[in-house]
Amino acid sequence: MKTSKYIMLLYLVISAAAFAVDEIHIDYETGATVYAARFQPNGDVFITSGLSDEIWATVGNYDVTMTENGTGGHFVGNFDTSANIGDGSYKITVYEQLGGSPADADRAIYVGSIKWKDGAEDRDASASDSAVTDALITSKHSDTDGKIDATDAELAKVPKSDSNVTWNVTALASINAEVDTALVDYDGPTKGEMDTAHALLATEAKQDIIGGGVGAILVLTTWAQDVLEGDVWIDTAPTPWQVVTTVKEAGGGVGGAERIRKDLKTINDVDVTSSNQRIDRTVEP
């Protein structure tokens, strides 16, 4: 009889080990009603008893009751209620029940995973997964910090958009480089080239002035020579306002060329009839 009692006690201990409890833990608002659903890797969901799984139909078929320990807002629930779930990694979703019973409209408040082995949670594997997750979070956090720092460094290069905008060294160097590039592309004349062009223009201007002066000198020289040779006569009236000058080239005959210059008045009708005729006419104002 005692042997039977010991066997029964051992069976209960083994059964308790096989049917581990409270593998699902969450912290949530105290007094809430929450339940869990368990999913296969392929997305199928276990029915409440855990004896089978199926494609999701309605949450009322899959809810696993979770209870609050005291009033601290810590809720627990059993993962395998029938010792039927095999080894593997499974997803757990916890919902808050909003009405009188589980409904598809209930909102998910937690999503996690569990490693299951030999009818119990494989805590070593779960701890390993947590360590990997923690390392990944730390790595991503470091990457994020690095990117934020890099962004801050780039933003520091941008002039501040306030009333006292100041170009920093980096911005000034960039602007200066752009100006240098524009000047190189423009290829404007150097000071030496401009000096050469200026000297050339000055030389050409002097040549024009000299040429004009020489031409005037030649005209005057020719005219003076004609006067000396007697080919030109100059007649002047008695008073300045009666100045009349008639020049007739010798040898022109009746049809010869005449050049008449007059100050103050114009003589419109001068009759030259011979090559050696002298003309004196006065014009009243």
C-alpha atoms as a PDB file:
ATOM      1  CA  MET A   1       0.000   0.000   0.000  1.00  0.00           C
ATOM      2  CA  LYS A   2       2.799   2.332   0.917  1.00  0.00           C
ATOM      3  CA  THR A   3       4.512   1.382  -2.338  1.00  0.00           C
ATOM      4  CA  SER A   4       1.415   2.386  -4.288  1.00  0.00           C
ATOM      5  CA  LYS A   5       1.346   5.752  -2.524  1.00  0.00           C
ATOM      6  CA  TYR A   6       4.971   6.418  -3.402  1.00  0.00           C
ATOM      7  CA  ILE A   7       4.352   5.460  -7.029  1.00  0.00           C
ATOM      8  CA  MET A   8       1.338   7.793  -7.172  1.00  0.00           C
ATOM      9  CA  LEU A   9       3.361  10.630  -5.617  1.00  0.00           C
ATOM     10  CA  LEU A  10       6.198  10.088  -8.095  1.00  0.00           C
ATOM     11  CA  TYR A  11       3.696  10.143 -10.972  1.00  0.00           C
ATOM     12  CA  LEU A  12       2.310  13.454  -9.778  1.00  0.00           C
ATOM     13  CA  VAL A  13       5.817  14.923  -9.524  1.00  0.00           C
ATOM     14  CA  ILE A  14       6.682  13.716 -13.020  1.00  0.00           C
ATOM     15  CA  SER A  15       3.366  14.967 -14.343  1.00  0.00           C
ATOM     16  CA  ALA A  16       3.932  18.333 -12.726  1.00  0.00           C
ATOM     17  CA  ALA A  17       7.354  18.534 -14.359  1.00  0.00           C
ATOM     18  CA  ALA A  18       5.908  17.565 -17.722  1.00  0.00           C
ATOM     19  CA  PHE A  19       3.002  19.952 -17.374  1.00  0.00           C
ATOM     20  CA  ALA A  20       5.004  23.035 -16.491  1.00  0.00           C
ATOM     21  CA  VAL A  21       2.908  26.039 -15.644  1.00  0.00           C
ATOM     22  CA  ASP A  22       2.969  29.786 -15.980  1.00  0.00           C
ATOM     23  CA  GLU A  23       5.401  29.986 -18.897  1.00  0.00           C
ATOM     24  CA  ILE A  24       3.593  33.019 -20.279  1.00  0.00           C
ATOM     25  CA  HIS A  25       4.265  36.220 -18.327  1.00  0.00           C
ATOM     26  CA  ILE A  26       3.314  39.833 -19.001  1.00  0.00           C
ATOM     27  CA  ASP A  27       2.915  43.009 -16.984  1.00  0.00           C
ATOM     28  CA  TYR A  28      -0.203  45.036 -17.736  1.00  0.00           C
ATOM     29  CA  GLU A  29      -2.834  47.229 -16.118  1.00  0.00           C
ATOM     30  CA  THR A  30      -4.102  45.689 -12.905  1.00  0.00           C
ATOM     31  CA  GLY A  31      -7.672  44.446 -13.041  1.00  0.00           C
ATOM     32  CA  ALA A  32      -7.628  43.867 -16.808  1.00  0.00           C
ATOM     33  CA  THR A  33      -8.866  40.644 -18.378  1.00  0.00           C
ATOM     34  CA  VAL A  34      -6.246  39.126 -20.662  1.00  0.00           C
ATOM     35  CA  TYR A  35      -5.754  35.839 -22.512  1.00  0.00           C
ATOM     36  CA  ALA A  36      -3.156  34.304 -24.832  1.00  0.00           C
ATOM     37  CA  ALA A  37      -3.110  32.504 -28.170  1.00  0.00           C
ATOM     38  CA  ARG A  38      -0.282  30.193 -29.339  1.00  0.00           C
ATOM     39  CA  PHE A  39       0.865  29.938 -32.957  1.00  0.00           C
ATOM     40  CA  GLN A  40       2.790  27.386 -34.987  1.00  0.00           C
ATOM     41  CA  PRO A  41       5.756  28.613 -37.074  1.00  0.00           C
ATOM     42  CA  ASN A  42       3.549  28.302 -40.192  1.00  0.00           C
ATOM     43  CA  GLY A  43       0.928  30.630 -38.692  1.00  0.00           C
ATOM     44  CA  ASP A  44      -1.638  28.041 -37.627  1.00  0.00           C
ATOM     45  CA  VAL A  45      -3.043  28.554 -34.129  1.00  0.00           C
ATOM     46  CA  PHE A  46      -3.476  25.968 -31.362  1.00  0.00           C
ATOM     47  CA  ILE A  47      -6.969  25.388 -30.059  1.00  0.00           C
ATOM     48  CA  THR A  48      -7.417  26.128 -26.374  1.00  0.00           C
ATOM     49  CA  SER A  49      -6.720  22.545 -25.265  1.00  0.00           C
ATOM     50  CA  GLY A  50      -3.515  22.427 -27.278  1.00  0.00           C
ATOM     51  CA  LEU A  51      -4.484  19.061 -28.770  1.00  0.00           C
ATOM     52  CA  SER A  52      -4.473  20.377 -32.323  1.00  0.00           C
ATOM     53  CA  ASP A  53      -3.951  23.481 -34.403  1.00  0.00           C
ATOM     54  CA  GLU A  54      -5.731  25.034 -37.348  1.00  0.00           C
ATOM     55  CA  ILE A  55      -5.991  28.094 -39.550  1.00  0.00           C
ATOM     56  CA  TRP A  56      -7.381  31.012 -37.569  1.00  0.00           C
ATOM     57  CA  ALA A  57     -11.184  31.040 -37.463  1.00  0.00           C
ATOM     58  CA  THR A  58     -12.393  32.834 -34.321  1.00  0.00           C
ATOM     59  CA  VAL A  59     -10.462  33.772 -31.208  1.00  0.00           C
ATOM     60  CA  GLY A  60     -12.999  32.046 -28.958  1.00  0.00           C
ATOM     61  CA  ASN A  61     -11.494  28.720 -30.045  1.00  0.00           C
ATOM     62  CA  TYR A  62      -7.929  29.566 -29.036  1.00  0.00           C
ATOM     63  CA  ASP A  63      -7.910  31.640 -25.853  1.00  0.00           C
ATOM     64  CA  VAL A  64      -5.690  30.525 -22.976  1.00  0.00           C
ATOM     65  CA  THR A  65      -6.740  32.070 -19.693  1.00  0.00           C
ATOM     66  CA  MET A  66      -4.216  34.269 -17.902  1.00  0.00           C
ATOM     67  CA  THR A  67      -4.602  35.265 -14.280  1.00  0.00           C
ATOM     68  CA  GLU A  68      -3.282  38.197 -12.338  1.00  0.00           C
ATOM     69  CA  ASN A  69      -0.993  37.460  -9.416  1.00  0.00           C
ATOM     70  CA  GLY A  70      -2.420  39.622  -6.680  1.00  0.00           C
ATOM     71  CA  THR A  71      -3.071  43.191  -7.716  1.00  0.00           C
ATOM     72  CA  GLY A  72       0.322  44.131  -9.101  1.00  0.00           C
ATOM     73  CA  GLY A  73      -0.607  43.825 -12.767  1.00  0.00           C
ATOM     74  CA  HIS A  74       1.529  40.700 -13.367  1.00  0.00           C
ATOM     75  CA  PHE A  75      -0.362  38.095 -15.425  1.00  0.00           C
ATOM     76  CA  VAL A  76       0.624  34.442 -15.997  1.00  0.00           C
ATOM     77  CA  GLY A  77      -0.694  31.599 -18.145  1.00  0.00           C
ATOM     78  CA  ASN A  78       0.178  28.032 -19.160  1.00  0.00           C
ATOM     79  CA  PHE A  79       1.652  27.359 -22.584  1.00  0.00           C
ATOM     80  CA  ASP A  80       0.825  23.642 -22.987  1.00  0.00           C
ATOM     81  CA  THR A  81      -2.322  22.609 -21.175  1.00  0.00           C
ATOM     82  CA  SER A  82      -2.426  19.047 -22.539  1.00  0.00           C
ATOM     83  CA  ALA A  83       1.208  17.914 -22.895  1.00  0.00           C
ATOM     84  CA  ASN A  84       0.616  17.660 -26.625  1.00  0.00           C
ATOM     85  CA  ILE A  85       2.803  20.416 -28.111  1.00  0.00           C
ATOM     86  CA  GLY A  86       6.092  19.143 -29.522  1.00  0.00           C
ATOM     87  CA  ASP A  87       9.546  20.683 -29.359  1.00  0.00           C
ATOM     88  CA  GLY A  88      10.028  23.896 -31.263  1.00  0.00           C
ATOM     89  CA  SER A  89       9.811  27.664 -31.268  1.00  0.00           C
ATOM     90  CA  TYR A  90       6.344  29.168 -31.059  1.00  0.00           C
ATOM     91  CA  LYS A  91       4.825  32.627 -31.098  1.00  0.00           C
ATOM     92  CA  ILE A  92       2.586  33.908 -28.350  1.00  0.00           C
ATOM     93  CA  THR A  93       0.142  36.795 -28.642  1.00  0.00           C
ATOM     94  CA  VAL A  94      -1.645  38.205 -25.598  1.00  0.00           C
ATOM     95  CA  TYR A  95      -4.936  40.072 -26.011  1.00  0.00           C
ATOM     96  CA  GLU A  96      -6.954  42.324 -23.720  1.00  0.00           C
ATOM     97  CA  GLN A  97     -10.563  41.185 -23.516  1.00  0.00           C
ATOM     98  CA  LEU A  98     -12.750  44.238 -24.037  1.00  0.00           C
ATOM     99  CA  GLY A  99     -16.176  42.620 -23.674  1.00  0.00           C
ATOM    100  CA  GLY A 100     -17.776  39.766 -21.774  1.00  0.00           C
ATOM    101  CA  SER A 101     -15.903  37.078 -23.749  1.00  0.00           C
ATOM    102  CA  PRO A 102     -12.958  36.802 -26.152  1.00  0.00           C
ATOM    103  CA  ALA A 103     -13.687  38.444 -29.513  1.00  0.00           C
ATOM    104  CA  ASP A 104     -11.805  39.098 -32.727  1.00  0.00           C
ATOM    105  CA  ALA A 105     -12.086  42.829 -32.022  1.00  0.00           C
ATOM    106  CA  ASP A 106      -9.915  42.473 -28.880  1.00  0.00           C
ATOM    107  CA  ARG A 107      -6.579  44.264 -29.181  1.00  0.00           C
ATOM    108  CA  ALA A 108      -3.193  42.589 -28.971  1.00  0.00           C
ATOM    109  CA  ILE A 109      -1.082  43.939 -26.105  1.00  0.00           C
ATOM    110  CA  TYR A 110       1.949  41.651 -26.340  1.00  0.00           C
ATOM    111  CA  VAL A 111       3.729  39.517 -28.944  1.00  0.00           C
ATOM    112  CA  GLY A 112       6.590  37.200 -28.004  1.00  0.00           C
ATOM    113  CA  SER A 113       8.023  33.744 -28.544  1.00  0.00           C
ATOM    114  CA  ILE A 114       8.867  30.675 -26.484  1.00  0.00           C
ATOM    115  CA  LYS A 115      11.262  27.771 -26.935  1.00  0.00           C
ATOM    116  CA  TRP A 116       9.593  24.459 -26.044  1.00  0.00           C
ATOM    117  CA  LYS A 117      11.477  21.218 -25.373  1.00  0.00           C
ATOM    118  CA  ASP A 118      10.520  17.971 -23.670  1.00  0.00           C
ATOM    119  CA  GLY A 119       7.192  19.341 -22.522  1.00  0.00           C
ATOM    120  CA  ALA A 120       8.634  22.444 -20.875  1.00  0.00           C
ATOM    121  CA  GLU A 121      10.092  25.802 -21.701  1.00  0.00           C
ATOM    122  CA  ASP A 122      13.722  25.594 -22.806  1.00  0.00           C
ATOM    123  CA  ARG A 123      14.947  28.430 -20.643  1.00  0.00           C
ATOM    124  CA  ASP A 124      18.562  28.145 -21.767  1.00  0.00           C
ATOM    125  CA  ALA A 125      17.522  28.604 -25.402  1.00  0.00           C
ATOM    126  CA  SER A 126      15.196  31.429 -24.436  1.00  0.00           C
ATOM    127  CA  ALA A 127      17.965  33.092 -22.446  1.00  0.00           C
ATOM    128  CA  SER A 128      20.282  32.677 -25.428  1.00  0.00           C
ATOM    129  CA  ASP A 129      17.687  34.242 -27.702  1.00  0.00           C
ATOM    130  CA  SER A 130      17.283  37.075 -25.227  1.00  0.00           C
ATOM    131  CA  ALA A 131      21.030  37.622 -25.202  1.00  0.00           C
ATOM    132  CA  VAL A 132      21.086  37.720 -28.994  1.00  0.00           C
ATOM    133  CA  THR A 133      18.160  40.115 -28.973  1.00  0.00           C
ATOM    134  CA  ASP A 134      19.836  42.318 -26.386  1.00  0.00           C
ATOM    135  CA  ALA A 135      23.041  42.349 -28.417  1.00  0.00           C
ATOM    136  CA  LEU A 136      21.100  43.224 -31.547  1.00  0.00           C
ATOM    137  CA  ILE A 137      19.288  46.036 -29.753  1.00  0.00           C
ATOM    138  CA  THR A 138      22.578  47.351 -28.381  1.00  0.00           C
ATOM    139  CA  SER A 139      24.152  47.197 -31.836  1.00  0.00           C
ATOM    140  CA  LYS A 140      21.236  48.960 -33.480  1.00  0.00           C
ATOM    141  CA  HIS A 141      21.197  51.544 -30.710  1.00  0.00           C
ATOM    142  CA  SER A 142      24.887  52.180 -31.313  1.00  0.00           C
ATOM    143  CA  ASP A 143      24.286  52.469 -35.062  1.00  0.00           C
ATOM    144  CA  THR A 144      21.438  54.882 -34.428  1.00  0.00           C
ATOM    145  CA  ASP A 145      23.563  56.981 -32.097  1.00  0.00           C
ATOM    146  CA  GLY A 146      26.305  57.056 -34.708  1.00  0.00           C
ATOM    147  CA  LYS A 147      23.897  58.181 -37.406  1.00  0.00           C
ATOM    148  CA  ILE A 148      22.435  60.853 -35.142  1.00  0.00           C
ATOM    149  CA  ASP A 149      25.927  62.120 -34.317  1.00  0.00           C
ATOM    150  CA  ALA A 150      26.828  62.184 -38.011  1.00  0.00           C
ATOM    151  CA  THR A 151      23.623  64.063 -38.790  1.00  0.00           C
ATOM    152  CA  ASP A 152      24.359  66.581 -36.051  1.00  0.00           C
ATOM    153  CA  ALA A 153      27.840  67.096 -37.480  1.00  0.00           C
ATOM    154  CA  GLU A 154      26.422  67.737 -40.941  1.00  0.00           C
ATOM    155  CA  LEU A 155      23.777  70.112 -39.608  1.00  0.00           C
ATOM    156  CA  ALA A 156      26.497  72.049 -37.807  1.00  0.00           C
ATOM    157  CA  LYS A 157      27.912  72.915 -41.223  1.00  0.00           C
ATOM    158  CA  VAL A 158      24.696  74.651 -42.259  1.00  0.00           C
ATOM    159  CA  PRO A 159      24.357  78.355 -41.358  1.00  0.00           C
ATOM    160  CA  LYS A 160      21.767  78.937 -38.683  1.00  0.00           C
ATOM    161  CA  SER A 161      18.472  80.340 -39.945  1.00  0.00           C
ATOM    162  CA  ASP A 162      18.283  83.322 -37.614  1.00  0.00           C
ATOM    163  CA  SER A 163      18.952  87.045 -37.851  1.00  0.00           C
ATOM    164  CA  ASN A 164      22.674  86.523 -37.302  1.00  0.00           C
ATOM    165  CA  VAL A 165      23.612  84.051 -39.993  1.00  0.00           C
ATOM    166  CA  THR A 166      27.312  83.281 -39.920  1.00  0.00           C
ATOM    167  CA  TRP A 167      29.038  81.235 -42.598  1.00  0.00           C
ATOM    168  CA  ASN A 168      31.318  78.687 -41.023  1.00  0.00           C
ATOM    169  CA  VAL A 169      34.749  77.732 -42.358  1.00  0.00           C
ATOM    170  CA  THR A 170      33.468  74.737 -44.318  1.00  0.00           C
ATOM    171  CA  ALA A 171      30.755  76.744 -46.077  1.00  0.00           C
ATOM    172  CA  LEU A 172      33.152  79.589 -46.891  1.00  0.00           C
ATOM    173  CA  ALA A 173      35.699  77.173 -48.324  1.00  0.00           C
ATOM    174  CA  SER A 174      33.025  75.600 -50.505  1.00  0.00           C
ATOM    175  CA  ILE A 175      31.832  78.989 -51.786  1.00  0.00           C
ATOM    176  CA  ASN A 176      35.403  80.093 -52.473  1.00  0.00           C
ATOM    177  CA  ALA A 177      36.070  76.910 -54.428  1.00  0.00           C
ATOM    178  CA  GLU A 178      32.969  77.502 -56.558  1.00  0.00           C
ATOM    179  CA  VAL A 179      34.074  81.071 -57.294  1.00  0.00           C
ATOM    180  CA  ASP A 180      37.557  79.885 -58.255  1.00  0.00           C
ATOM    181  CA  THR A 181      36.064  77.327 -60.615  1.00  0.00           C
ATOM    182  CA  ALA A 182      33.833  79.973 -62.219  1.00  0.00           C
ATOM    183  CA  LEU A 183      36.797  82.288 -62.757  1.00  0.00           C
ATOM    184  CA  VAL A 184      38.836  79.510 -64.346  1.00  0.00           C
ATOM    185  CA  ASP A 185      35.959  78.615 -66.661  1.00  0.00           C
ATOM    186  CA  TYR A 186      35.493  82.292 -67.564  1.00  0.00           C
ATOM    187  CA  ASP A 187      39.184  82.718 -68.506  1.00  0.00           C
ATOM    188  CA  GLY A 188      39.056  86.513 -68.338  1.00  0.00           C
ATOM    189  CA  PRO A 189      41.944  88.691 -69.548  1.00  0.00           C
ATOM    190  CA  THR A 190      44.914  89.099 -67.262  1.00  0.00           C
ATOM    191  CA  LYS A 191      46.287  92.504 -66.282  1.00  0.00           C
ATOM    192  CA  GLY A 192      49.198  91.985 -68.659  1.00  0.00           C
ATOM    193  CA  GLU A 193      46.832  91.230 -71.547  1.00  0.00           C
ATOM    194  CA  MET A 194      44.758  94.313 -70.754  1.00  0.00           C
ATOM    195  CA  ASP A 195      47.887  96.508 -70.555  1.00  0.00           C
ATOM    196  CA  THR A 196      49.018  95.243 -73.964  1.00  0.00           C
ATOM    197  CA  ALA A 197      45.601  95.917 -75.505  1.00  0.00           C
ATOM    198  CA  HIS A 198      45.513  99.411 -73.983  1.00  0.00           C
ATOM    199  CA  ALA A 199      48.959 100.233 -75.352  1.00  0.00           C
ATOM    200  CA  LEU A 200      47.930  99.013 -78.802  1.00  0.00           C
ATOM    201  CA  LEU A 201      44.799 101.173 -78.790  1.00  0.00           C
ATOM    202  CA  ALA A 202      46.808 104.196 -77.676  1.00  0.00           C
ATOM    203  CA  THR A 203      49.318 103.639 -80.495  1.00  0.00           C
ATOM    204  CA  GLU A 204      46.569 103.385 -83.117  1.00  0.00           C
ATOM    205  CA  ALA A 205      44.926 106.572 -81.798  1.00  0.00           C
ATOM    206  CA  LYS A 206      48.225 108.424 -82.021  1.00  0.00           C
ATOM    207  CA  GLN A 207      48.689 107.186 -85.567  1.00  0.00           C
ATOM    208  CA  ASP A 208      45.223 108.488 -86.515  1.00  0.00           C
ATOM    209  CA  ILE A 209      45.981 111.878 -84.968  1.00  0.00           C
ATOM    210  CA  ILE A 210      49.359 112.072 -86.661  1.00  0.00           C
ATOM    211  CA  GLY A 211      47.865 111.001 -89.978  1.00  0.00           C
ATOM    212  CA  GLY A 212      45.160 113.660 -89.735  1.00  0.00           C
ATOM    213  CA  GLY A 213      47.715 116.304 -88.816  1.00  0.00           C
ATOM    214  CA  VAL A 214      49.984 115.359 -91.675  1.00  0.00           C
ATOM    215  CA  GLY A 215      47.044 115.530 -94.075  1.00  0.00           C
ATOM    216  CA  ALA A 216      46.115 119.010 -92.848  1.00  0.00           C
ATOM    217  CA  ILE A 217      49.722 120.140 -93.160  1.00  0.00           C
ATOM    218  CA  LEU A 218      49.860 118.855 -96.729  1.00  0.00           C
ATOM    219  CA  VAL A 219      46.672 120.764 -97.618  1.00  0.00           C
ATOM    220  CA  LEU A 220      48.009 123.989 -96.115  1.00  0.00           C
ATOM    221  CA  THR A 221      51.354 123.476 -97.793  1.00  0.00           C
ATOM    222  CA  THR A 222      49.709 122.990-101.168  1.00  0.00           C
ATOM    223  CA  TRP A 223      47.520 126.052-100.649  1.00  0.00           C
ATOM    224  CA  ALA A 224      50.466 128.212 -99.602  1.00  0.00           C
ATOM    225  CA  GLN A 225      52.410 127.027-102.595  1.00  0.00           C
ATOM    226  CA  ASP A 226      49.538 128.019-104.885  1.00  0.00           C
ATOM    227  CA  VAL A 227      49.440 131.482-103.307  1.00  0.00           C
ATOM    228  CA  LEU A 228      53.148 131.981-103.828  1.00  0.00           C
ATOM    229  CA  GLU A 229      52.921 130.858-107.422  1.00  0.00           C
ATOM    230  CA  GLY A 230      50.081 133.296-108.143  1.00  0.00           C
ATOM    231  CA  ASP A 231      47.497 130.643-108.792  1.00  0.00           C
ATOM    232  CA  VAL A 232      45.172 131.947-106.003  1.00  0.00           C
ATOM    233  CA  TRP A 233      43.811 135.435-105.225  1.00  0.00           C
ATOM    234  CA  ILE A 234      42.413 136.476-101.860  1.00  0.00           C
ATOM    235  CA  ASP A 235      40.086 139.513-101.726  1.00  0.00           C
ATOM    236  CA  THR A 236      38.886 140.936 -98.413  1.00  0.00           C
ATOM    237  CA  ALA A 237      36.207 143.626 -97.918  1.00  0.00           C
ATOM    238  CA  PRO A 238      36.892 146.729 -95.781  1.00  0.00           C
ATOM    239  CA  THR A 239      35.111 145.628 -92.550  1.00  0.00           C
ATOM    240  CA  PRO A 240      34.914 142.285 -90.651  1.00  0.00           C
ATOM    241  CA  TRP A 241      31.186 141.828 -91.199  1.00  0.00           C
ATOM    242  CA  GLN A 242      31.737 142.309 -94.939  1.00  0.00           C
ATOM    243  CA  VAL A 243      34.431 139.688 -95.222  1.00  0.00           C
ATOM    244  CA  VAL A 244      34.251 138.075 -98.610  1.00  0.00           C
ATOM    245  CA  THR A 245      36.925 135.805 -99.923  1.00  0.00           C
ATOM    246  CA  THR A 246      36.901 134.614-103.472  1.00  0.00           C
ATOM    247  CA  VAL A 247      39.419 132.111-104.591  1.00  0.00           C
ATOM    248  CA  LYS A 248      39.720 131.255-108.199  1.00  0.00           C
ATOM    249  CA  GLU A 249      42.228 128.819-109.458  1.00  0.00           C
ATOM    250  CA  ALA A 250      44.258 130.232-112.327  1.00  0.00           C
ATOM    251  CA  GLY A 251      43.834 128.607-115.642  1.00  0.00           C
ATOM    252  CA  GLY A 252      40.268 127.543-114.946  1.00  0.00           C
ATOM    253  CA  GLY A 253      38.683 129.571-117.726  1.00  0.00           C
ATOM    254  CA  VAL A 254      34.971 130.365-117.780  1.00  0.00           C
ATOM    255  CA  GLY A 255      34.085 126.889-116.598  1.00  0.00           C
ATOM    256  CA  GLY A 256      36.864 126.728-113.996  1.00  0.00           C
ATOM    257  CA  ALA A 257      36.313 125.689-110.404  1.00  0.00           C
ATOM    258  CA  GLU A 258      35.472 128.376-107.842  1.00  0.00           C
ATOM    259  CA  ARG A 259      35.740 128.206-104.070  1.00  0.00           C
ATOM    260  CA  ILE A 260      33.919 130.952-102.187  1.00  0.00           C
ATOM    261  CA  ARG A 261      34.081 131.379 -98.423  1.00  0.00           C
ATOM    262  CA  LYS A 262      32.174 134.048 -96.556  1.00  0.00           C
ATOM    263  CA  ASP A 263      31.760 134.964 -92.880  1.00  0.00           C
ATOM    264  CA  LEU A 264      28.368 136.268 -91.694  1.00  0.00           C
ATOM    265  CA  LYS A 265      26.658 136.179 -95.126  1.00  0.00           C
ATOM    266  CA  THR A 266      26.364 133.859 -98.075  1.00  0.00           C
ATOM    267  CA  ILE A 267      27.057 134.906-101.613  1.00  0.00           C
ATOM    268  CA  ASN A 268      24.770 132.942-103.871  1.00  0.00           C
ATOM    269  CA  ASP A 269      25.603 134.529-107.183  1.00  0.00           C
ATOM    270  CA  VAL A 270      29.204 135.085-108.195  1.00  0.00           C
ATOM    271  CA  ASP A 271      29.909 135.418-111.872  1.00  0.00           C
ATOM    272  CA  VAL A 272      33.351 134.366-112.861  1.00  0.00           C
ATOM    273  CA  THR A 273      33.962 134.914-116.540  1.00  0.00           C
ATOM    274  CA  SER A 274      37.682 134.647-116.942  1.00  0.00           C
ATOM    275  CA  SER A 275      40.519 132.783-115.384  1.00  0.00           C
ATOM    276  CA  ASN A 276      42.344 135.928-114.181  1.00  0.00           C
ATOM    277  CA  GLN A 277      39.373 138.084-113.109  1.00  0.00           C
ATOM    278  CA  ARG A 278      39.546 139.647-109.641  1.00  0.00           C
ATOM    279  CA  ILE A 279      36.225 139.793-107.752  1.00  0.00           C
ATOM    280  CA  ASP A 280      35.414 142.242-104.949  1.00  0.00           C
ATOM    281  CA  ARG A 281      31.884 142.368-103.599  1.00  0.00           C
ATOM    282  CA  THR A 282      30.535 143.682-100.372  1.00  0.00           C
ATOM    283  CA  VAL A 283      27.344 142.569 -98.748  1.00  0.00           C
ATOM    284  CA  GLU A 284      25.372 144.757 -96.355  1.00  0.00           C
ATOM    285  CA  PRO A 285      23.974 143.053 -93.254  1.00  0.00           C
END
